[in-house]
Amino acid sequence: MKAPDHVERVAGVRYDDVPTTRLPPPSAMEQLLGPRRPPGWVLAKSGGRGPGDAVLHAPDCEEAPEGAPVLSVERAMDAAEKAGVRLCSLCGAAAELEPLLRGFDHLGDGG
């Protein structure tokens, strides 16, 4: 197998002991949909004194705390409705959850 063009060997480094494993080919569904984010949401406490001082993140967001429990969308929505809880714009939590929080109220009002 040939390495991609952007990969080069490092001079003076031996690769004999580097373990390699051939990955299975992606399923038709994976090929069609492309890479997908892990499901759920993570609540990161911000250290404030209020009960809702926290930020909701996608599990793979670089700002999400490691080892935090992953919340279902229902539990994430409950948390998002509390005062002081923000939705992360870095990972898209805001873009994905805000329409769910607003529901269909915005339809019919011209925007």
PDB file of N, CA and C in Angstrom:
ATOM      1  N   MET A   1       0.838  -1.175   0.000  1.00  0.00           N
ATOM      2  CA  MET A   1       0.000   0.000   0.000  1.00  0.00           C
ATOM      3  C   MET A   1       0.884   1.240   0.000  1.00  0.00           C
ATOM      4  N   LYS A   2       0.536   2.188  -0.804  1.00  0.00           N
ATOM      5  CA  LYS A   2       1.311   3.417  -0.931  1.00  0.00           C
ATOM      6  C   LYS A   2       0.740   4.484   0.002  1.00  0.00           C
ATOM      7  N   ALA A   3       1.633   5.214   0.661  1.00  0.00           N
ATOM      8  CA  ALA A   3       1.215   6.302   1.547  1.00  0.00           C
ATOM      9  C   ALA A   3       0.703   7.471   0.713  1.00  0.00           C
ATOM     10  N   PRO A   4      -0.207   8.262   1.278  1.00  0.00           N
ATOM     11  CA  PRO A   4      -0.667   9.459   0.553  1.00  0.00           C
ATOM     12  C   PRO A   4       0.501  10.393   0.265  1.00  0.00           C
ATOM     13  N   ASP A   5       0.316  11.265  -0.712  1.00  0.00           N
ATOM     14  CA  ASP A   5       1.374  12.175  -1.147  1.00  0.00           C
ATOM     15  C   ASP A   5       1.819  13.135  -0.051  1.00  0.00           C
ATOM     16  N   HIS A   6       0.950  13.447   0.907  1.00  0.00           N
ATOM     17  CA  HIS A   6       1.320  14.417   1.940  1.00  0.00           C
ATOM     18  C   HIS A   6       2.061  13.772   3.117  1.00  0.00           C
ATOM     19  N   VAL A   7       2.342  12.466   3.021  1.00  0.00           N
ATOM     20  CA  VAL A   7       3.042  11.753   4.090  1.00  0.00           C
ATOM     21  C   VAL A   7       4.467  11.466   3.647  1.00  0.00           C
ATOM     22  N   GLU A   8       5.409  11.745   4.538  1.00  0.00           N
ATOM     23  CA  GLU A   8       6.812  11.453   4.246  1.00  0.00           C
ATOM     24  C   GLU A   8       7.429  10.716   5.428  1.00  0.00           C
ATOM     25  N   ARG A   9       8.379   9.853   5.146  1.00  0.00           N
ATOM     26  CA  ARG A   9       9.123   9.173   6.206  1.00  0.00           C
ATOM     27  C   ARG A   9      10.035  10.178   6.886  1.00  0.00           C
ATOM     28  N   VAL A  10      10.228   9.998   8.173  1.00  0.00           N
ATOM     29  CA  VAL A  10      11.150  10.842   8.927  1.00  0.00           C
ATOM     30  C   VAL A  10      12.525  10.199   8.837  1.00  0.00           C
ATOM     31  N   ALA A  11      13.505  10.966   8.403  1.00  0.00           N
ATOM     32  CA  ALA A  11      14.856  10.447   8.229  1.00  0.00           C
ATOM     33  C   ALA A  11      15.408   9.941   9.555  1.00  0.00           C
ATOM     34  N   GLY A  12      15.997   8.750   9.531  1.00  0.00           N
ATOM     35  CA  GLY A  12      16.634   8.187  10.716  1.00  0.00           C
ATOM     36  C   GLY A  12      15.684   7.474  11.669  1.00  0.00           C
ATOM     37  N   VAL A  13      14.403   7.372  11.332  1.00  0.00           N
ATOM     38  CA  VAL A  13      13.423   6.712  12.198  1.00  0.00           C
ATOM     39  C   VAL A  13      13.064   5.366  11.595  1.00  0.00           C
ATOM     40  N   ARG A  14      13.064   4.333  12.454  1.00  0.00           N
ATOM     41  CA  ARG A  14      12.679   2.991  12.017  1.00  0.00           C
ATOM     42  C   ARG A  14      11.202   2.783  12.319  1.00  0.00           C
ATOM     43  N   TYR A  15      10.497   2.166  11.410  1.00  0.00           N
ATOM     44  CA  TYR A  15       9.054   1.940  11.546  1.00  0.00           C
ATOM     45  C   TYR A  15       8.721   0.457  11.698  1.00  0.00           C
ATOM     46  N   ASP A  16       9.750  -0.389  11.908  1.00  0.00           N
ATOM     47  CA  ASP A  16       9.529  -1.828  11.991  1.00  0.00           C
ATOM     48  C   ASP A  16       8.616  -2.217  13.156  1.00  0.00           C
ATOM     49  N   ASP A  17       8.682  -1.489  14.265  1.00  0.00           N
ATOM     50  CA  ASP A  17       7.903  -1.854  15.446  1.00  0.00           C
ATOM     51  C   ASP A  17       6.565  -1.127  15.556  1.00  0.00           C
ATOM     52  N   VAL A  18       6.211  -0.348  14.546  1.00  0.00           N
ATOM     53  CA  VAL A  18       4.939   0.367  14.573  1.00  0.00           C
ATOM     54  C   VAL A  18       3.828  -0.614  14.208  1.00  0.00           C
ATOM     55  N   PRO A  19       2.880  -0.811  15.138  1.00  0.00           N
ATOM     56  CA  PRO A  19       1.795  -1.743  14.818  1.00  0.00           C
ATOM     57  C   PRO A  19       0.871  -1.137  13.756  1.00  0.00           C
ATOM     58  N   THR A  20       0.429  -1.972  12.876  1.00  0.00           N
ATOM     59  CA  THR A  20      -0.511  -1.530  11.850  1.00  0.00           C
ATOM     60  C   THR A  20      -1.703  -2.465  11.822  1.00  0.00           C
ATOM     61  N   THR A  21      -2.843  -1.916  11.567  1.00  0.00           N
ATOM     62  CA  THR A  21      -4.072  -2.703  11.456  1.00  0.00           C
ATOM     63  C   THR A  21      -4.860  -2.163  10.278  1.00  0.00           C
ATOM     64  N   ARG A  22      -5.281  -3.048   9.419  1.00  0.00           N
ATOM     65  CA  ARG A  22      -6.090  -2.619   8.282  1.00  0.00           C
ATOM     66  C   ARG A  22      -7.511  -2.400   8.782  1.00  0.00           C
ATOM     67  N   LEU A  23      -8.039  -1.211   8.550  1.00  0.00           N
ATOM     68  CA  LEU A  23      -9.385  -0.882   8.970  1.00  0.00           C
ATOM     69  C   LEU A  23     -10.402  -1.472   8.005  1.00  0.00           C
ATOM     70  N   PRO A  24     -11.565  -1.873   8.520  1.00  0.00           N
ATOM     71  CA  PRO A  24     -12.584  -2.395   7.603  1.00  0.00           C
ATOM     72  C   PRO A  24     -13.093  -1.271   6.706  1.00  0.00           C
ATOM     73  N   PRO A  25     -13.523  -1.600   5.525  1.00  0.00           N
ATOM     74  CA  PRO A  25     -14.042  -0.547   4.641  1.00  0.00           C
ATOM     75  C   PRO A  25     -15.318   0.044   5.231  1.00  0.00           C
ATOM     76  N   PRO A  26     -15.586   1.305   4.965  1.00  0.00           N
ATOM     77  CA  PRO A  26     -16.800   1.916   5.497  1.00  0.00           C
ATOM     78  C   PRO A  26     -18.037   1.285   4.869  1.00  0.00           C
ATOM     79  N   SER A  27     -19.109   1.236   5.651  1.00  0.00           N
ATOM     80  CA  SER A  27     -20.363   0.693   5.138  1.00  0.00           C
ATOM     81  C   SER A  27     -20.937   1.654   4.098  1.00  0.00           C
ATOM     82  N   ALA A  28     -21.912   1.185   3.357  1.00  0.00           N
ATOM     83  CA  ALA A  28     -22.568   2.041   2.361  1.00  0.00           C
ATOM     84  C   ALA A  28     -23.190   3.256   3.046  1.00  0.00           C
ATOM     85  N   MET A  29     -23.759   3.057   4.241  1.00  0.00           N
ATOM     86  CA  MET A  29     -24.372   4.157   4.988  1.00  0.00           C
ATOM     87  C   MET A  29     -23.318   5.186   5.376  1.00  0.00           C
ATOM     88  N   GLU A  30     -22.148   4.721   5.859  1.00  0.00           N
ATOM     89  CA  GLU A  30     -21.066   5.639   6.226  1.00  0.00           C
ATOM     90  C   GLU A  30     -20.546   6.390   5.011  1.00  0.00           C
ATOM     91  N   GLN A  31     -20.482   5.721   3.877  1.00  0.00           N
ATOM     92  CA  GLN A  31     -20.024   6.385   2.657  1.00  0.00           C
ATOM     93  C   GLN A  31     -21.019   7.450   2.224  1.00  0.00           C
ATOM     94  N   LEU A  32     -22.298   7.156   2.369  1.00  0.00           N
ATOM     95  CA  LEU A  32     -23.335   8.090   1.953  1.00  0.00           C
ATOM     96  C   LEU A  32     -23.411   9.303   2.884  1.00  0.00           C
ATOM     97  N   LEU A  33     -23.391   9.056   4.216  1.00  0.00           N
ATOM     98  CA  LEU A  33     -23.562  10.134   5.190  1.00  0.00           C
ATOM     99  C   LEU A  33     -22.266  10.833   5.572  1.00  0.00           C
ATOM    100  N   GLY A  34     -21.150  10.161   5.394  1.00  0.00           N
ATOM    101  CA  GLY A  34     -19.871  10.741   5.790  1.00  0.00           C
ATOM    102  C   GLY A  34     -19.655  10.603   7.289  1.00  0.00           C
ATOM    103  N   PRO A  35     -18.587  11.213   7.811  1.00  0.00           N
ATOM    104  CA  PRO A  35     -18.298  11.096   9.238  1.00  0.00           C
ATOM    105  C   PRO A  35     -19.422  11.717  10.064  1.00  0.00           C
ATOM    106  N   ARG A  36     -19.731  11.073  11.179  1.00  0.00           N
ATOM    107  CA  ARG A  36     -20.811  11.557  12.028  1.00  0.00           C
ATOM    108  C   ARG A  36     -20.305  11.815  13.429  1.00  0.00           C
ATOM    109  N   ARG A  37     -20.910  12.786  14.052  1.00  0.00           N
ATOM    110  CA  ARG A  37     -20.555  13.142  15.415  1.00  0.00           C
ATOM    111  C   ARG A  37     -21.178  12.121  16.371  1.00  0.00           C
ATOM    112  N   PRO A  38     -20.508  11.858  17.512  1.00  0.00           N
ATOM    113  CA  PRO A  38     -21.107  10.959  18.501  1.00  0.00           C
ATOM    114  C   PRO A  38     -22.432  11.542  18.990  1.00  0.00           C
ATOM    115  N   PRO A  39     -23.419  10.696  19.290  1.00  0.00           N
ATOM    116  CA  PRO A  39     -24.715  11.199  19.726  1.00  0.00           C
ATOM    117  C   PRO A  39     -24.671  11.769  21.139  1.00  0.00           C
ATOM    118  N   GLY A  40     -25.611  12.642  21.447  1.00  0.00           N
ATOM    119  CA  GLY A  40     -25.767  13.155  22.798  1.00  0.00           C
ATOM    120  C   GLY A  40     -25.129  14.510  22.996  1.00  0.00           C
ATOM    121  N   TRP A  41     -25.164  14.956  24.253  1.00  0.00           N
ATOM    122  CA  TRP A  41     -24.668  16.271  24.639  1.00  0.00           C
ATOM    123  C   TRP A  41     -23.989  16.163  25.988  1.00  0.00           C
ATOM    124  N   VAL A  42     -23.063  17.061  26.273  1.00  0.00           N
ATOM    125  CA  VAL A  42     -22.303  17.063  27.517  1.00  0.00           C
ATOM    126  C   VAL A  42     -22.481  18.414  28.190  1.00  0.00           C
ATOM    127  N   LEU A  43     -22.778  18.396  29.478  1.00  0.00           N
ATOM    128  CA  LEU A  43     -22.952  19.625  30.243  1.00  0.00           C
ATOM    129  C   LEU A  43     -21.671  19.900  31.018  1.00  0.00           C
ATOM    130  N   ALA A  44     -21.060  21.060  30.756  1.00  0.00           N
ATOM    131  CA  ALA A  44     -19.826  21.446  31.439  1.00  0.00           C
ATOM    132  C   ALA A  44     -20.147  22.554  32.433  1.00  0.00           C
ATOM    133  N   LYS A  45     -19.960  22.264  33.711  1.00  0.00           N
ATOM    134  CA  LYS A  45     -20.170  23.278  34.738  1.00  0.00           C
ATOM    135  C   LYS A  45     -19.100  24.346  34.592  1.00  0.00           C
ATOM    136  N   SER A  46     -19.497  25.612  34.710  1.00  0.00           N
ATOM    137  CA  SER A  46     -18.537  26.689  34.513  1.00  0.00           C
ATOM    138  C   SER A  46     -17.930  27.189  35.818  1.00  0.00           C
ATOM    139  N   GLY A  47     -18.338  26.630  36.922  1.00  0.00           N
ATOM    140  CA  GLY A  47     -17.740  27.018  38.194  1.00  0.00           C
ATOM    141  C   GLY A  47     -18.416  28.195  38.859  1.00  0.00           C
ATOM    142  N   GLY A  48     -19.472  28.712  38.263  1.00  0.00           N
ATOM    143  CA  GLY A  48     -20.208  29.815  38.876  1.00  0.00           C
ATOM    144  C   GLY A  48     -21.038  29.326  40.056  1.00  0.00           C
ATOM    145  N   ARG A  49     -21.635  30.255  40.753  1.00  0.00           N
ATOM    146  CA  ARG A  49     -22.409  29.893  41.939  1.00  0.00           C
ATOM    147  C   ARG A  49     -23.851  29.528  41.636  1.00  0.00           C
ATOM    148  N   GLY A  50     -24.363  29.974  40.506  1.00  0.00           N
ATOM    149  CA  GLY A  50     -25.756  29.709  40.179  1.00  0.00           C
ATOM    150  C   GLY A  50     -25.984  28.254  39.820  1.00  0.00           C
ATOM    151  N   PRO A  51     -27.236  27.783  39.935  1.00  0.00           N
ATOM    152  CA  PRO A  51     -27.533  26.379  39.651  1.00  0.00           C
ATOM    153  C   PRO A  51     -27.376  26.014  38.183  1.00  0.00           C
ATOM    154  N   GLY A  52     -27.442  26.992  37.311  1.00  0.00           N
ATOM    155  CA  GLY A  52     -27.366  26.687  35.891  1.00  0.00           C
ATOM    156  C   GLY A  52     -26.134  27.218  35.208  1.00  0.00           C
ATOM    157  N   ASP A  53     -25.106  27.583  35.940  1.00  0.00           N
ATOM    158  CA  ASP A  53     -23.900  28.118  35.308  1.00  0.00           C
ATOM    159  C   ASP A  53     -23.137  26.989  34.624  1.00  0.00           C
ATOM    160  N   ALA A  54     -23.484  26.756  33.352  1.00  0.00           N
ATOM    161  CA  ALA A  54     -22.885  25.655  32.615  1.00  0.00           C
ATOM    162  C   ALA A  54     -23.014  25.921  31.120  1.00  0.00           C
ATOM    163  N   VAL A  55     -22.319  25.093  30.342  1.00  0.00           N
ATOM    164  CA  VAL A  55     -22.359  25.179  28.885  1.00  0.00           C
ATOM    165  C   VAL A  55     -22.634  23.783  28.340  1.00  0.00           C
ATOM    166  N   LEU A  56     -23.559  23.692  27.389  1.00  0.00           N
ATOM    167  CA  LEU A  56     -23.842  22.425  26.713  1.00  0.00           C
ATOM    168  C   LEU A  56     -22.957  22.306  25.484  1.00  0.00           C
ATOM    169  N   HIS A  57     -22.300  21.143  25.351  1.00  0.00           N
ATOM    170  CA  HIS A  57     -21.393  20.873  24.236  1.00  0.00           C
ATOM    171  C   HIS A  57     -21.772  19.556  23.574  1.00  0.00           C
ATOM    172  N   ALA A  58     -21.334  19.379  22.338  1.00  0.00           N
ATOM    173  CA  ALA A  58     -21.350  18.063  21.706  1.00  0.00           C
ATOM    174  C   ALA A  58     -20.254  17.242  22.386  1.00  0.00           C
ATOM    175  N   PRO A  59     -20.398  15.916  22.460  1.00  0.00           N
ATOM    176  CA  PRO A  59     -19.396  15.093  23.153  1.00  0.00           C
ATOM    177  C   PRO A  59     -17.984  15.219  22.601  1.00  0.00           C
ATOM    178  N   ASP A  60     -17.849  15.503  21.304  1.00  0.00           N
ATOM    179  CA  ASP A  60     -16.512  15.592  20.716  1.00  0.00           C
ATOM    180  C   ASP A  60     -15.991  17.022  20.627  1.00  0.00           C
ATOM    181  N   CYS A  61     -16.669  17.964  21.262  1.00  0.00           N
ATOM    182  CA  CYS A  61     -16.202  19.357  21.274  1.00  0.00           C
ATOM    183  C   CYS A  61     -14.911  19.449  22.086  1.00  0.00           C
ATOM    184  N   GLU A  62     -13.960  20.224  21.596  1.00  0.00           N
ATOM    185  CA  GLU A  62     -12.690  20.359  22.320  1.00  0.00           C
ATOM    186  C   GLU A  62     -12.862  21.048  23.665  1.00  0.00           C
ATOM    187  N   GLU A  63     -13.980  21.751  23.872  1.00  0.00           N
ATOM    188  CA  GLU A  63     -14.248  22.423  25.137  1.00  0.00           C
ATOM    189  C   GLU A  63     -15.019  21.540  26.116  1.00  0.00           C
ATOM    190  N   ALA A  64     -15.522  20.402  25.675  1.00  0.00           N
ATOM    191  CA  ALA A  64     -16.296  19.501  26.539  1.00  0.00           C
ATOM    192  C   ALA A  64     -15.373  18.814  27.534  1.00  0.00           C
ATOM    193  N   PRO A  65     -15.811  18.685  28.794  1.00  0.00           N
ATOM    194  CA  PRO A  65     -14.969  18.011  29.785  1.00  0.00           C
ATOM    195  C   PRO A  65     -14.901  16.509  29.522  1.00  0.00           C
ATOM    196  N   GLU A  66     -13.715  15.944  29.668  1.00  0.00           N
ATOM    197  CA  GLU A  66     -13.552  14.504  29.466  1.00  0.00           C
ATOM    198  C   GLU A  66     -14.210  13.746  30.610  1.00  0.00           C
ATOM    199  N   GLY A  67     -14.852  12.647  30.271  1.00  0.00           N
ATOM    200  CA  GLY A  67     -15.456  11.794  31.287  1.00  0.00           C
ATOM    201  C   GLY A  67     -16.811  12.259  31.779  1.00  0.00           C
ATOM    202  N   ALA A  68     -17.301  13.375  31.256  1.00  0.00           N
ATOM    203  CA  ALA A  68     -18.623  13.862  31.676  1.00  0.00           C
ATOM    204  C   ALA A  68     -19.689  12.940  31.093  1.00  0.00           C
ATOM    205  N   PRO A  69     -20.790  12.734  31.831  1.00  0.00           N
ATOM    206  CA  PRO A  69     -21.837  11.868  31.296  1.00  0.00           C
ATOM    207  C   PRO A  69     -22.478  12.483  30.056  1.00  0.00           C
ATOM    208  N   VAL A  70     -22.816  11.637  29.116  1.00  0.00           N
ATOM    209  CA  VAL A  70     -23.451  12.081  27.879  1.00  0.00           C
ATOM    210  C   VAL A  70     -24.964  12.100  28.109  1.00  0.00           C
ATOM    211  N   LEU A  71     -25.575  13.243  27.810  1.00  0.00           N
ATOM    212  CA  LEU A  71     -27.002  13.425  28.006  1.00  0.00           C
ATOM    213  C   LEU A  71     -27.766  13.130  26.721  1.00  0.00           C
ATOM    214  N   SER A  72     -28.973  12.601  26.874  1.00  0.00           N
ATOM    215  CA  SER A  72     -29.865  12.438  25.727  1.00  0.00           C
ATOM    216  C   SER A  72     -30.348  13.819  25.317  1.00  0.00           C
ATOM    217  N   VAL A  73     -30.966  13.921  24.162  1.00  0.00           N
ATOM    218  CA  VAL A  73     -31.460  15.216  23.701  1.00  0.00           C
ATOM    219  C   VAL A  73     -32.523  15.754  24.654  1.00  0.00           C
ATOM    220  N   GLU A  74     -33.336  14.874  25.233  1.00  0.00           N
ATOM    221  CA  GLU A  74     -34.369  15.327  26.171  1.00  0.00           C
ATOM    222  C   GLU A  74     -33.740  15.947  27.413  1.00  0.00           C
ATOM    223  N   ARG A  75     -32.736  15.296  27.969  1.00  0.00           N
ATOM    224  CA  ARG A  75     -32.070  15.832  29.165  1.00  0.00           C
ATOM    225  C   ARG A  75     -31.278  17.093  28.830  1.00  0.00           C
ATOM    226  N   ALA A  76     -30.691  17.148  27.637  1.00  0.00           N
ATOM    227  CA  ALA A  76     -29.975  18.350  27.218  1.00  0.00           C
ATOM    228  C   ALA A  76     -30.949  19.519  27.086  1.00  0.00           C
ATOM    229  N   MET A  77     -32.135  19.260  26.550  1.00  0.00           N
ATOM    230  CA  MET A  77     -33.146  20.313  26.413  1.00  0.00           C
ATOM    231  C   MET A  77     -33.585  20.820  27.785  1.00  0.00           C
ATOM    232  N   ASP A  78     -33.779  19.902  28.732  1.00  0.00           N
ATOM    233  CA  ASP A  78     -34.150  20.309  30.094  1.00  0.00           C
ATOM    234  C   ASP A  78     -33.067  21.210  30.684  1.00  0.00           C
ATOM    235  N   ALA A  79     -31.809  20.826  30.493  1.00  0.00           N
ATOM    236  CA  ALA A  79     -30.697  21.620  31.031  1.00  0.00           C
ATOM    237  C   ALA A  79     -30.622  22.972  30.333  1.00  0.00           C
ATOM    238  N   ALA A  80     -30.834  22.989  29.018  1.00  0.00           N
ATOM    239  CA  ALA A  80     -30.714  24.222  28.237  1.00  0.00           C
ATOM    240  C   ALA A  80     -31.763  25.251  28.627  1.00  0.00           C
ATOM    241  N   GLU A  81     -32.890  24.807  29.141  1.00  0.00           N
ATOM    242  CA  GLU A  81     -33.957  25.727  29.522  1.00  0.00           C
ATOM    243  C   GLU A  81     -33.709  26.402  30.862  1.00  0.00           C
ATOM    244  N   LYS A  82     -32.713  25.956  31.604  1.00  0.00           N
ATOM    245  CA  LYS A  82     -32.407  26.558  32.905  1.00  0.00           C
ATOM    246  C   LYS A  82     -31.635  27.862  32.725  1.00  0.00           C
ATOM    247  N   ALA A  83     -31.911  28.798  33.600  1.00  0.00           N
ATOM    248  CA  ALA A  83     -31.209  30.088  33.560  1.00  0.00           C
ATOM    249  C   ALA A  83     -29.714  29.862  33.768  1.00  0.00           C
ATOM    250  N   GLY A  84     -28.911  30.548  33.003  1.00  0.00           N
ATOM    251  CA  GLY A  84     -27.460  30.473  33.164  1.00  0.00           C
ATOM    252  C   GLY A  84     -26.792  29.397  32.332  1.00  0.00           C
ATOM    253  N   VAL A  85     -27.566  28.569  31.647  1.00  0.00           N
ATOM    254  CA  VAL A  85     -26.977  27.535  30.789  1.00  0.00           C
ATOM    255  C   VAL A  85     -26.875  28.095  29.379  1.00  0.00           C
ATOM    256  N   ARG A  86     -25.665  28.040  28.824  1.00  0.00           N
ATOM    257  CA  ARG A  86     -25.422  28.510  27.471  1.00  0.00           C
ATOM    258  C   ARG A  86     -25.215  27.319  26.549  1.00  0.00           C
ATOM    259  N   LEU A  87     -25.381  27.536  25.256  1.00  0.00           N
ATOM    260  CA  LEU A  87     -25.136  26.510  24.248  1.00  0.00           C
ATOM    261  C   LEU A  87     -23.868  26.873  23.496  1.00  0.00           C
ATOM    262  N   CYS A  88     -22.949  25.933  23.389  1.00  0.00           N
ATOM    263  CA  CYS A  88     -21.665  26.182  22.740  1.00  0.00           C
ATOM    264  C   CYS A  88     -21.864  26.463  21.253  1.00  0.00           C
ATOM    265  N   SER A  89     -21.266  27.532  20.773  1.00  0.00           N
ATOM    266  CA  SER A  89     -21.334  27.835  19.344  1.00  0.00           C
ATOM    267  C   SER A  89     -20.138  27.235  18.601  1.00  0.00           C
ATOM    268  N   LEU A  90     -19.095  26.860  19.324  1.00  0.00           N
ATOM    269  CA  LEU A  90     -17.899  26.280  18.707  1.00  0.00           C
ATOM    270  C   LEU A  90     -18.218  24.927  18.067  1.00  0.00           C
ATOM    271  N   CYS A  91     -18.969  24.090  18.787  1.00  0.00           N
ATOM    272  CA  CYS A  91     -19.246  22.741  18.294  1.00  0.00           C
ATOM    273  C   CYS A  91     -20.589  22.631  17.596  1.00  0.00           C
ATOM    274  N   GLY A  92     -21.371  23.690  17.572  1.00  0.00           N
ATOM    275  CA  GLY A  92     -22.656  23.639  16.898  1.00  0.00           C
ATOM    276  C   GLY A  92     -23.825  23.307  17.794  1.00  0.00           C
ATOM    277  N   ALA A  93     -23.596  23.179  19.101  1.00  0.00           N
ATOM    278  CA  ALA A  93     -24.698  22.882  20.008  1.00  0.00           C
ATOM    279  C   ALA A  93     -25.768  23.968  19.909  1.00  0.00           C
ATOM    280  N   ALA A  94     -25.351  25.213  19.798  1.00  0.00           N
ATOM    281  CA  ALA A  94     -26.311  26.318  19.695  1.00  0.00           C
ATOM    282  C   ALA A  94     -27.133  26.188  18.417  1.00  0.00           C
ATOM    283  N   ALA A  95     -26.483  25.935  17.303  1.00  0.00           N
ATOM    284  CA  ALA A  95     -27.184  25.848  16.022  1.00  0.00           C
ATOM    285  C   ALA A  95     -28.151  24.666  15.985  1.00  0.00           C
ATOM    286  N   GLU A  96     -27.807  23.576  16.660  1.00  0.00           N
ATOM    287  CA  GLU A  96     -28.655  22.391  16.614  1.00  0.00           C
ATOM    288  C   GLU A  96     -29.766  22.411  17.658  1.00  0.00           C
ATOM    289  N   LEU A  97     -29.509  22.950  18.846  1.00  0.00           N
ATOM    290  CA  LEU A  97     -30.506  22.892  19.912  1.00  0.00           C
ATOM    291  C   LEU A  97     -31.439  24.097  19.965  1.00  0.00           C
ATOM    292  N   GLU A  98     -30.983  25.270  19.543  1.00  0.00           N
ATOM    293  CA  GLU A  98     -31.852  26.451  19.616  1.00  0.00           C
ATOM    294  C   GLU A  98     -33.154  26.277  18.841  1.00  0.00           C
ATOM    295  N   PRO A  99     -33.126  25.722  17.617  1.00  0.00           N
ATOM    296  CA  PRO A  99     -34.415  25.524  16.928  1.00  0.00           C
ATOM    297  C   PRO A  99     -35.345  24.588  17.699  1.00  0.00           C
ATOM    298  N   LEU A 100     -34.795  23.603  18.378  1.00  0.00           N
ATOM    299  CA  LEU A 100     -35.632  22.698  19.172  1.00  0.00           C
ATOM    300  C   LEU A 100     -36.223  23.416  20.376  1.00  0.00           C
ATOM    301  N   LEU A 101     -35.446  24.305  20.970  1.00  0.00           N
ATOM    302  CA  LEU A 101     -35.934  25.066  22.124  1.00  0.00           C
ATOM    303  C   LEU A 101     -37.031  26.041  21.717  1.00  0.00           C
ATOM    304  N   ARG A 102     -36.889  26.655  20.557  1.00  0.00           N
ATOM    305  CA  ARG A 102     -37.878  27.625  20.084  1.00  0.00           C
ATOM    306  C   ARG A 102     -39.115  26.941  19.548  1.00  0.00           C
ATOM    307  N   GLY A 103     -39.006  25.678  19.166  1.00  0.00           N
ATOM    308  CA  GLY A 103     -40.146  24.973  18.615  1.00  0.00           C
ATOM    309  C   GLY A 103     -40.606  25.590  17.315  1.00  0.00           C
ATOM    310  N   PHE A 104     -41.882  25.599  17.099  1.00  0.00           N
ATOM    311  CA  PHE A 104     -42.453  26.125  15.865  1.00  0.00           C
ATOM    312  C   PHE A 104     -43.016  27.521  16.054  1.00  0.00           C
ATOM    313  N   ASP A 105     -42.714  28.164  17.187  1.00  0.00           N
ATOM    314  CA  ASP A 105     -43.236  29.492  17.470  1.00  0.00           C
ATOM    315  C   ASP A 105     -42.837  30.516  16.422  1.00  0.00           C
ATOM    316  N   HIS A 106     -41.640  30.358  15.847  1.00  0.00           N
ATOM    317  CA  HIS A 106     -41.149  31.351  14.886  1.00  0.00           C
ATOM    318  C   HIS A 106     -41.801  31.229  13.518  1.00  0.00           C
ATOM    319  N   LEU A 107     -42.478  30.089  13.245  1.00  0.00           N
ATOM    320  CA  LEU A 107     -43.133  29.919  11.949  1.00  0.00           C
ATOM    321  C   LEU A 107     -44.399  30.777  11.904  1.00  0.00           C
ATOM    322  N   GLY A 108     -44.605  31.399  10.802  1.00  0.00           N
ATOM    323  CA  GLY A 108     -45.801  32.219  10.643  1.00  0.00           C
ATOM    324  C   GLY A 108     -45.633  33.642  11.110  1.00  0.00           C
ATOM    325  N   ASP A 109     -44.486  33.977  11.714  1.00  0.00           N
ATOM    326  CA  ASP A 109     -44.283  35.354  12.161  1.00  0.00           C
ATOM    327  C   ASP A 109     -43.402  36.136  11.185  1.00  0.00           C
ATOM    328  N   GLY A 110     -43.230  35.573  10.002  1.00  0.00           N
ATOM    329  CA  GLY A 110     -42.459  36.272   8.976  1.00  0.00           C
ATOM    330  C   GLY A 110     -40.974  36.016   9.037  1.00  0.00           C
ATOM    331  N   GLY A 111     -40.502  35.090   9.917  1.00  0.00           N
ATOM    332  CA  GLY A 111     -39.065  34.836   9.928  1.00  0.00           C
ATOM    333  C   GLY A 111     -38.647  33.809  10.809  1.00  0.00           C
TER     334      GLY A 111
END
